[in-house]
All heavy atoms as atom14 arrays in JSON, in Angstrom:
{
  "sequence": "YEDAKAFTYYPERTGQLFNVLRFLVKTMCVENHDEQRQAWE",
  "atom14_mask": [
    [1, 1, 1, 1, 1, 1, 1, 1, 1, 1, 1, 1, 0, 0],
    [1, 1, 1, 1, 1, 1, 1, 1, 1, 0, 0, 0, 0, 0],
    [1, 1, 1, 1, 1, 1, 1, 1, 0, 0, 0, 0, 0, 0],
    [1, 1, 1, 1, 1, 0, 0, 0, 0, 0, 0, 0, 0, 0],
    [1, 1, 1, 1, 1, 1, 1, 1, 1, 0, 0, 0, 0, 0],
    [1, 1, 1, 1, 1, 0, 0, 0, 0, 0, 0, 0, 0, 0],
    [1, 1, 1, 1, 1, 1, 1, 1, 1, 1, 1, 0, 0, 0],
    [1, 1, 1, 1, 1, 1, 1, 0, 0, 0, 0, 0, 0, 0],
    [1, 1, 1, 1, 1, 1, 1, 1, 1, 1, 1, 1, 0, 0],
    [1, 1, 1, 1, 1, 1, 1, 1, 1, 1, 1, 1, 0, 0],
    [1, 1, 1, 1, 1, 1, 1, 0, 0, 0, 0, 0, 0, 0],
    [1, 1, 1, 1, 1, 1, 1, 1, 1, 0, 0, 0, 0, 0],
    [1, 1, 1, 1, 1, 1, 1, 1, 1, 1, 1, 0, 0, 0],
    [1, 1, 1, 1, 1, 1, 1, 0, 0, 0, 0, 0, 0, 0],
    [1, 1, 1, 1, 0, 0, 0, 0, 0, 0, 0, 0, 0, 0],
    [1, 1, 1, 1, 1, 1, 1, 1, 1, 0, 0, 0, 0, 0],
    [1, 1, 1, 1, 1, 1, 1, 1, 0, 0, 0, 0, 0, 0],
    [1, 1, 1, 1, 1, 1, 1, 1, 1, 1, 1, 0, 0, 0],
    [1, 1, 1, 1, 1, 1, 1, 1, 0, 0, 0, 0, 0, 0],
    [1, 1, 1, 1, 1, 1, 1, 0, 0, 0, 0, 0, 0, 0],
    [1, 1, 1, 1, 1, 1, 1, 1, 0, 0, 0, 0, 0, 0],
    [1, 1, 1, 1, 1, 1, 1, 1, 1, 1, 1, 0, 0, 0],
    [1, 1, 1, 1, 1, 1, 1, 1, 1, 1, 1, 0, 0, 0],
    [1, 1, 1, 1, 1, 1, 1, 1, 0, 0, 0, 0, 0, 0],
    [1, 1, 1, 1, 1, 1, 1, 0, 0, 0, 0, 0, 0, 0],
    [1, 1, 1, 1, 1, 1, 1, 1, 1, 0, 0, 0, 0, 0],
    [1, 1, 1, 1, 1, 1, 1, 0, 0, 0, 0, 0, 0, 0],
    [1, 1, 1, 1, 1, 1, 1, 1, 0, 0, 0, 0, 0, 0],
    [1, 1, 1, 1, 1, 1, 0, 0, 0, 0, 0, 0, 0, 0],
    [1, 1, 1, 1, 1, 1, 1, 0, 0, 0, 0, 0, 0, 0],
    [1, 1, 1, 1, 1, 1, 1, 1, 1, 0, 0, 0, 0, 0],
    [1, 1, 1, 1, 1, 1, 1, 1, 0, 0, 0, 0, 0, 0],
    [1, 1, 1, 1, 1, 1, 1, 1, 1, 1, 0, 0, 0, 0],
    [1, 1, 1, 1, 1, 1, 1, 1, 0, 0, 0, 0, 0, 0],
    [1, 1, 1, 1, 1, 1, 1, 1, 1, 0, 0, 0, 0, 0],
    [1, 1, 1, 1, 1, 1, 1, 1, 1, 0, 0, 0, 0, 0],
    [1, 1, 1, 1, 1, 1, 1, 1, 1, 1, 1, 0, 0, 0],
    [1, 1, 1, 1, 1, 1, 1, 1, 1, 0, 0, 0, 0, 0],
    [1, 1, 1, 1, 1, 0, 0, 0, 0, 0, 0, 0, 0, 0],
    [1, 1, 1, 1, 1, 1, 1, 1, 1, 1, 1, 1, 1, 1],
    [1, 1, 1, 1, 1, 1, 1, 1, 1, 0, 0, 0, 0, 0]
  ],
  "atom14_positions": [
    [[-7.54, 16.29, 15.46], [-7.94, 15.12, 16.25], [-9.08, 14.36, 15.59], [-9.22, 13.15, 15.81], [-8.29, 15.55, 17.68], [-7.05, 15.81, 18.51], [-6.48, 17.09, 18.58], [-6.43, 14.8, 19.22], [-5.34, 17.33, 19.32], [-5.29, 15.03, 19.97], [-4.75, 16.29, 20.01], [-3.61, 16.51, 20.75], [0.0, 0.0, 0.0], [0.0, 0.0, 0.0]],
    [[-9.87, 15.04, 14.79], [-10.91, 14.35, 14.0], [-10.27, 13.65, 12.8], [-10.63, 12.52, 12.46], [-11.97, 15.35, 13.53], [-12.88, 15.86, 14.63], [-13.68, 14.74, 15.28], [-14.23, 13.89, 14.53], [-13.74, 14.7, 16.51], [0.0, 0.0, 0.0], [0.0, 0.0, 0.0], [0.0, 0.0, 0.0], [0.0, 0.0, 0.0], [0.0, 0.0, 0.0]],
    [[-9.31, 14.33, 12.16], [-8.63, 13.75, 11.01], [-7.88, 12.46, 11.39], [-7.75, 11.54, 10.58], [-7.64, 14.74, 10.41], [-8.33, 15.97, 9.83], [-9.55, 15.9, 9.58], [-7.66, 17.01, 9.64], [0.0, 0.0, 0.0], [0.0, 0.0, 0.0], [0.0, 0.0, 0.0], [0.0, 0.0, 0.0], [0.0, 0.0, 0.0], [0.0, 0.0, 0.0]],
    [[-7.4, 12.42, 12.63], [-6.62, 11.27, 13.07], [-7.44, 9.98, 13.07], [-6.88, 8.88, 12.99], [-6.07, 11.52, 14.48], [0.0, 0.0, 0.0], [0.0, 0.0, 0.0], [0.0, 0.0, 0.0], [0.0, 0.0, 0.0], [0.0, 0.0, 0.0], [0.0, 0.0, 0.0], [0.0, 0.0, 0.0], [0.0, 0.0, 0.0], [0.0, 0.0, 0.0]],
    [[-8.75, 10.11, 13.12], [-9.61, 8.92, 13.18], [-9.64, 8.16, 11.85], [-10.06, 7.01, 11.8], [-11.03, 9.32, 13.57], [-11.13, 9.93, 14.97], [-12.53, 10.43, 15.27], [-12.61, 11.09, 16.65], [-13.97, 11.63, 16.93], [0.0, 0.0, 0.0], [0.0, 0.0, 0.0], [0.0, 0.0, 0.0], [0.0, 0.0, 0.0], [0.0, 0.0, 0.0]],
    [[-9.21, 8.81, 10.75], [-9.25, 8.17, 9.43], [-8.1, 7.2, 9.21], [-8.11, 6.43, 8.24], [-9.24, 9.24, 8.34], [0.0, 0.0, 0.0], [0.0, 0.0, 0.0], [0.0, 0.0, 0.0], [0.0, 0.0, 0.0], [0.0, 0.0, 0.0], [0.0, 0.0, 0.0], [0.0, 0.0, 0.0], [0.0, 0.0, 0.0], [0.0, 0.0, 0.0]],
    [[-7.1, 7.24, 10.08], [-5.93, 6.37, 9.9], [-5.44, 5.93, 11.27], [-5.24, 6.75, 12.16], [-4.82, 7.15, 9.19], [-3.54, 6.36, 8.96], [-3.32, 5.7, 7.76], [-2.56, 6.29, 9.94], [-2.14, 5.0, 7.54], [-1.38, 5.6, 9.73], [-1.17, 4.94, 8.52], [0.0, 0.0, 0.0], [0.0, 0.0, 0.0], [0.0, 0.0, 0.0]],
    [[-5.26, 4.64, 11.42], [-4.72, 4.1, 12.66], [-3.35, 3.51, 12.38], [-3.21, 2.67, 11.48], [-5.63, 3.03, 13.27], [-6.91, 3.61, 13.57], [-5.03, 2.47, 14.56], [0.0, 0.0, 0.0], [0.0, 0.0, 0.0], [0.0, 0.0, 0.0], [0.0, 0.0, 0.0], [0.0, 0.0, 0.0], [0.0, 0.0, 0.0], [0.0, 0.0, 0.0]],
    [[-2.37, 3.97, 13.12], [-1.01, 3.47, 12.96], [-0.82, 2.28, 13.9], [-1.1, 2.38, 15.1], [0.0, 4.57, 13.28], [1.44, 4.14, 13.07], [1.99, 4.12, 11.8], [2.23, 3.76, 14.14], [3.3, 3.72, 11.59], [3.54, 3.36, 13.95], [4.07, 3.34, 12.67], [5.37, 2.93, 12.47], [0.0, 0.0, 0.0], [0.0, 0.0, 0.0]],
    [[-0.33, 1.18, 13.37], [-0.08, -0.03, 14.16], [1.43, -0.22, 14.3], [2.08, -0.76, 13.39], [-0.71, -1.25, 13.49], [-2.22, -1.2, 13.41], [-2.86, -0.68, 12.28], [-3.01, -1.67, 14.46], [-4.25, -0.63, 12.21], [-4.4, -1.62, 14.4], [-5.0, -1.1, 13.26], [-6.38, -1.04, 13.2], [0.0, 0.0, 0.0], [0.0, 0.0, 0.0]],
    [[2.01, 0.22, 15.39], [3.47, 0.15, 15.54], [4.0, -1.28, 15.5], [5.15, -1.5, 15.1], [3.73, 0.8, 16.91], [2.42, 0.78, 17.62], [1.37, 0.85, 16.57], [0.0, 0.0, 0.0], [0.0, 0.0, 0.0], [0.0, 0.0, 0.0], [0.0, 0.0, 0.0], [0.0, 0.0, 0.0], [0.0, 0.0, 0.0], [0.0, 0.0, 0.0]],
    [[3.17, -2.26, 15.89], [3.64, -3.64, 15.87], [3.86, -4.15, 14.45], [4.55, -5.16, 14.24], [2.66, -4.55, 16.61], [1.29, -4.7, 15.97], [0.3, -3.61, 16.35], [0.75, -2.59, 16.93], [-0.9, -3.77, 16.07], [0.0, 0.0, 0.0], [0.0, 0.0, 0.0], [0.0, 0.0, 0.0], [0.0, 0.0, 0.0], [0.0, 0.0, 0.0]],
    [[3.3, -3.5, 13.45], [3.44, -3.95, 12.07], [4.74, -3.47, 11.42], [5.4, -4.23, 10.73], [2.24, -3.47, 11.23], [0.93, -4.1, 11.65], [-0.24, -3.57, 10.81], [-1.52, -4.12, 11.26], [-2.7, -3.76, 10.78], [-2.79, -2.84, 9.81], [-3.81, -4.3, 11.25], [0.0, 0.0, 0.0], [0.0, 0.0, 0.0], [0.0, 0.0, 0.0]],
    [[5.09, -2.21, 11.62], [6.29, -1.67, 10.97], [7.21, -0.9, 11.9], [8.23, -0.38, 11.45], [5.89, -0.73, 9.81], [5.11, 0.35, 10.33], [5.08, -1.46, 8.74], [0.0, 0.0, 0.0], [0.0, 0.0, 0.0], [0.0, 0.0, 0.0], [0.0, 0.0, 0.0], [0.0, 0.0, 0.0], [0.0, 0.0, 0.0], [0.0, 0.0, 0.0]],
    [[6.84, -0.81, 13.18], [7.67, -0.03, 14.1], [9.11, -0.49, 14.13], [10.04, 0.32, 14.21], [0.0, 0.0, 0.0], [0.0, 0.0, 0.0], [0.0, 0.0, 0.0], [0.0, 0.0, 0.0], [0.0, 0.0, 0.0], [0.0, 0.0, 0.0], [0.0, 0.0, 0.0], [0.0, 0.0, 0.0], [0.0, 0.0, 0.0], [0.0, 0.0, 0.0]],
    [[9.33, -1.82, 14.06], [10.69, -2.36, 14.08], [11.4, -2.17, 12.74], [12.62, -2.4, 12.64], [10.66, -3.86, 14.4], [10.02, -4.22, 15.71], [9.97, -5.72, 15.89], [11.01, -6.39, 15.95], [8.78, -6.29, 15.97], [0.0, 0.0, 0.0], [0.0, 0.0, 0.0], [0.0, 0.0, 0.0], [0.0, 0.0, 0.0], [0.0, 0.0, 0.0]],
    [[10.63, -1.77, 11.72], [11.18, -1.72, 10.36], [11.48, -0.31, 9.88], [11.75, -0.11, 8.69], [10.2, -2.4, 9.4], [9.85, -3.86, 9.73], [8.8, -4.4, 8.78], [11.11, -4.73, 9.68], [0.0, 0.0, 0.0], [0.0, 0.0, 0.0], [0.0, 0.0, 0.0], [0.0, 0.0, 0.0], [0.0, 0.0, 0.0], [0.0, 0.0, 0.0]],
    [[11.44, 0.67, 10.77], [11.68, 2.05, 10.38], [13.07, 2.2, 9.78], [13.24, 2.75, 8.68], [11.51, 2.96, 11.59], [11.25, 4.4, 11.25], [9.97, 4.83, 10.91], [12.27, 5.34, 11.27], [9.72, 6.16, 10.61], [12.03, 6.68, 10.97], [10.74, 7.08, 10.64], [0.0, 0.0, 0.0], [0.0, 0.0, 0.0], [0.0, 0.0, 0.0]],
    [[14.08, 1.69, 10.47], [15.44, 1.77, 9.94], [15.66, 0.82, 8.77], [16.51, 1.07, 7.91], [16.46, 1.47, 11.05], [16.64, 2.66, 11.98], [16.53, 3.8, 11.57], [16.91, 2.38, 13.25], [0.0, 0.0, 0.0], [0.0, 0.0, 0.0], [0.0, 0.0, 0.0], [0.0, 0.0, 0.0], [0.0, 0.0, 0.0], [0.0, 0.0, 0.0]],
    [[14.88, -0.26, 8.73], [14.96, -1.17, 7.59], [14.51, -0.45, 6.32], [15.1, -0.61, 5.25], [14.11, -2.43, 7.83], [14.0, -3.28, 6.57], [14.7, -3.25, 8.97], [0.0, 0.0, 0.0], [0.0, 0.0, 0.0], [0.0, 0.0, 0.0], [0.0, 0.0, 0.0], [0.0, 0.0, 0.0], [0.0, 0.0, 0.0], [0.0, 0.0, 0.0]],
    [[13.42, 0.34, 6.43], [12.96, 1.12, 5.28], [14.05, 2.05, 4.78], [14.29, 2.17, 3.57], [11.71, 1.92, 5.65], [10.37, 1.2, 5.55], [9.25, 2.08, 6.09], [10.07, 0.82, 4.1], [0.0, 0.0, 0.0], [0.0, 0.0, 0.0], [0.0, 0.0, 0.0], [0.0, 0.0, 0.0], [0.0, 0.0, 0.0], [0.0, 0.0, 0.0]],
    [[14.73, 2.72, 5.7], [15.83, 3.59, 5.3], [16.91, 2.79, 4.57], [17.43, 3.21, 3.54], [16.44, 4.24, 6.55], [15.64, 5.4, 7.11], [16.25, 5.9, 8.4], [15.72, 7.23, 8.74], [15.75, 7.75, 9.96], [16.29, 7.08, 10.96], [15.26, 8.96, 10.19], [0.0, 0.0, 0.0], [0.0, 0.0, 0.0], [0.0, 0.0, 0.0]],
    [[17.23, 1.64, 5.13], [18.28, 0.79, 4.56], [17.89, 0.3, 3.17], [18.69, 0.34, 2.23], [18.52, -0.39, 5.51], [19.74, -1.21, 5.2], [20.97, -0.84, 5.69], [19.65, -2.36, 4.42], [22.11, -1.59, 5.42], [20.77, -3.12, 4.13], [22.01, -2.74, 4.64], [0.0, 0.0, 0.0], [0.0, 0.0, 0.0], [0.0, 0.0, 0.0]],
    [[16.64, -0.15, 3.02], [16.19, -0.68, 1.74], [16.06, 0.4, 0.68], [16.4, 0.18, -0.49], [14.85, -1.41, 1.92], [14.9, -2.72, 2.71], [13.52, -3.35, 2.78], [15.89, -3.69, 2.09], [0.0, 0.0, 0.0], [0.0, 0.0, 0.0], [0.0, 0.0, 0.0], [0.0, 0.0, 0.0], [0.0, 0.0, 0.0], [0.0, 0.0, 0.0]],
    [[15.55, 1.57, 1.06], [15.43, 2.65, 0.07], [16.81, 3.07, -0.4], [17.01, 3.36, -1.59], [14.66, 3.85, 0.67], [14.7, 5.04, -0.28], [13.21, 3.46, 0.94], [0.0, 0.0, 0.0], [0.0, 0.0, 0.0], [0.0, 0.0, 0.0], [0.0, 0.0, 0.0], [0.0, 0.0, 0.0], [0.0, 0.0, 0.0], [0.0, 0.0, 0.0]],
    [[17.78, 3.04, 0.5], [19.14, 3.4, 0.1], [19.7, 2.4, -0.91], [20.23, 2.79, -1.96], [20.05, 3.47, 1.32], [21.49, 3.84, 0.98], [22.35, 3.94, 2.23], [23.78, 4.35, 1.86], [24.64, 4.48, 3.07], [0.0, 0.0, 0.0], [0.0, 0.0, 0.0], [0.0, 0.0, 0.0], [0.0, 0.0, 0.0], [0.0, 0.0, 0.0]],
    [[19.57, 1.1, -0.61], [20.16, 0.09, -1.49], [19.33, -0.14, -2.74], [19.89, -0.38, -3.82], [20.31, -1.24, -0.73], [19.04, -1.65, -0.21], [21.29, -1.09, 0.42], [0.0, 0.0, 0.0], [0.0, 0.0, 0.0], [0.0, 0.0, 0.0], [0.0, 0.0, 0.0], [0.0, 0.0, 0.0], [0.0, 0.0, 0.0], [0.0, 0.0, 0.0]],
    [[18.01, -0.06, -2.61], [17.12, -0.36, -3.73], [16.93, 0.83, -4.66], [16.77, 0.66, -5.87], [15.76, -0.78, -3.16], [14.71, -1.15, -4.18], [13.2, -1.78, -3.38], [12.58, -0.3, -2.57], [0.0, 0.0, 0.0], [0.0, 0.0, 0.0], [0.0, 0.0, 0.0], [0.0, 0.0, 0.0], [0.0, 0.0, 0.0], [0.0, 0.0, 0.0]],
    [[16.98, 2.05, -4.08], [16.64, 3.24, -4.87], [17.78, 4.25, -4.98], [18.19, 4.6, -6.08], [15.42, 3.93, -4.25], [13.95, 2.86, -4.12], [0.0, 0.0, 0.0], [0.0, 0.0, 0.0], [0.0, 0.0, 0.0], [0.0, 0.0, 0.0], [0.0, 0.0, 0.0], [0.0, 0.0, 0.0], [0.0, 0.0, 0.0], [0.0, 0.0, 0.0]],
    [[18.29, 4.73, -3.85], [19.26, 5.82, -3.87], [20.55, 5.4, -4.57], [21.04, 6.08, -5.49], [19.56, 6.31, -2.44], [20.62, 7.42, -2.48], [18.29, 6.82, -1.77], [0.0, 0.0, 0.0], [0.0, 0.0, 0.0], [0.0, 0.0, 0.0], [0.0, 0.0, 0.0], [0.0, 0.0, 0.0], [0.0, 0.0, 0.0], [0.0, 0.0, 0.0]],
    [[21.11, 4.25, -4.16], [22.39, 3.8, -4.73], [22.25, 3.31, -6.17], [23.25, 3.2, -6.9], [22.99, 2.69, -3.86], [23.33, 3.11, -2.45], [24.44, 4.14, -2.39], [25.22, 4.24, -3.37], [24.54, 4.86, -1.39], [0.0, 0.0, 0.0], [0.0, 0.0, 0.0], [0.0, 0.0, 0.0], [0.0, 0.0, 0.0], [0.0, 0.0, 0.0]],
    [[21.03, 2.97, -6.57], [20.8, 2.45, -7.92], [19.85, 3.33, -8.72], [19.16, 2.85, -9.62], [20.21, 1.03, -7.83], [21.23, -0.01, -7.46], [22.28, -0.1, -8.09], [20.94, -0.79, -6.43], [0.0, 0.0, 0.0], [0.0, 0.0, 0.0], [0.0, 0.0, 0.0], [0.0, 0.0, 0.0], [0.0, 0.0, 0.0], [0.0, 0.0, 0.0]],
    [[19.84, 4.62, -8.42], [18.81, 5.47, -9.02], [18.95, 5.57, -10.54], [17.95, 5.58, -11.26], [18.83, 6.86, -8.38], [17.54, 7.59, -8.57], [17.48, 8.94, -8.85], [16.25, 7.17, -8.53], [16.21, 9.31, -8.97], [15.45, 8.26, -8.77], [0.0, 0.0, 0.0], [0.0, 0.0, 0.0], [0.0, 0.0, 0.0], [0.0, 0.0, 0.0]],
    [[20.16, 5.66, -11.03], [20.35, 5.76, -12.49], [19.82, 4.51, -13.19], [19.07, 4.6, -14.18], [21.83, 5.97, -12.82], [22.31, 7.36, -12.44], [21.45, 8.25, -12.26], [23.53, 7.55, -12.32], [0.0, 0.0, 0.0], [0.0, 0.0, 0.0], [0.0, 0.0, 0.0], [0.0, 0.0, 0.0], [0.0, 0.0, 0.0], [0.0, 0.0, 0.0]],
    [[20.22, 3.34, -12.7], [19.77, 2.08, -13.31], [18.26, 1.91, -13.15], [17.58, 1.43, -14.08], [20.49, 0.89, -12.67], [21.97, 0.79, -13.0], [22.85, 1.66, -12.12], [22.29, 2.39, -11.26], [24.07, 1.62, -12.29], [0.0, 0.0, 0.0], [0.0, 0.0, 0.0], [0.0, 0.0, 0.0], [0.0, 0.0, 0.0], [0.0, 0.0, 0.0]],
    [[17.75, 2.31, -12.01], [16.31, 2.18, -11.76], [15.51, 3.07, -12.72], [14.53, 2.64, -13.32], [16.03, 2.59, -10.31], [14.59, 2.41, -9.87], [14.34, 3.01, -8.5], [14.57, 4.21, -8.27], [13.88, 2.18, -7.56], [0.0, 0.0, 0.0], [0.0, 0.0, 0.0], [0.0, 0.0, 0.0], [0.0, 0.0, 0.0], [0.0, 0.0, 0.0]],
    [[15.95, 4.32, -12.87], [15.24, 5.24, -13.77], [15.31, 4.78, -15.22], [14.32, 4.87, -15.96], [15.83, 6.64, -13.65], [15.55, 7.34, -12.33], [16.1, 8.76, -12.35], [15.43, 9.57, -13.36], [15.84, 10.77, -13.73], [16.93, 11.3, -13.2], [15.18, 11.46, -14.64], [0.0, 0.0, 0.0], [0.0, 0.0, 0.0], [0.0, 0.0, 0.0]],
    [[16.47, 4.31, -15.63], [16.62, 3.86, -17.01], [15.73, 2.66, -17.31], [15.08, 2.58, -18.36], [18.09, 3.5, -17.28], [19.01, 4.71, -17.31], [20.48, 4.34, -17.23], [20.84, 3.17, -17.32], [21.34, 5.34, -17.06], [0.0, 0.0, 0.0], [0.0, 0.0, 0.0], [0.0, 0.0, 0.0], [0.0, 0.0, 0.0], [0.0, 0.0, 0.0]],
    [[15.66, 1.73, -16.35], [14.81, 0.55, -16.54], [13.34, 0.95, -16.57], [12.58, 0.48, -17.42], [15.06, -0.46, -15.42], [0.0, 0.0, 0.0], [0.0, 0.0, 0.0], [0.0, 0.0, 0.0], [0.0, 0.0, 0.0], [0.0, 0.0, 0.0], [0.0, 0.0, 0.0], [0.0, 0.0, 0.0], [0.0, 0.0, 0.0], [0.0, 0.0, 0.0]],
    [[12.95, 1.83, -15.65], [11.56, 2.27, -15.59], [11.16, 3.03, -16.86], [10.04, 2.87, -17.37], [11.36, 3.12, -14.35], [9.96, 3.6, -14.11], [9.54, 4.9, -14.0], [8.79, 2.8, -13.9], [8.2, 4.96, -13.75], [7.69, 3.69, -13.69], [8.54, 1.43, -13.89], [6.4, 3.25, -13.47], [7.25, 0.99, -13.66], [6.2, 1.89, -13.46]],
    [[12.06, 3.84, -17.37], [11.76, 4.58, -18.6], [11.51, 3.62, -19.76], [10.55, 3.79, -20.53], [12.93, 5.51, -18.94], [12.72, 6.31, -20.22], [13.88, 7.22, -20.55], [14.9, 7.21, -19.81], [13.78, 7.96, -21.55], [0.0, 0.0, 0.0], [0.0, 0.0, 0.0], [0.0, 0.0, 0.0], [0.0, 0.0, 0.0], [0.0, 0.0, 0.0]]
  ]
}
């Protein structure tokens, strides 16, 4: 409960975007992981 004071979660900022994050990570990273890794390397 003391540790919780170091970070405040604001649901109005990203609460609606929880499933969007899943969707974007899938399309941006998971489905393109080979191309992403090769480019980053």
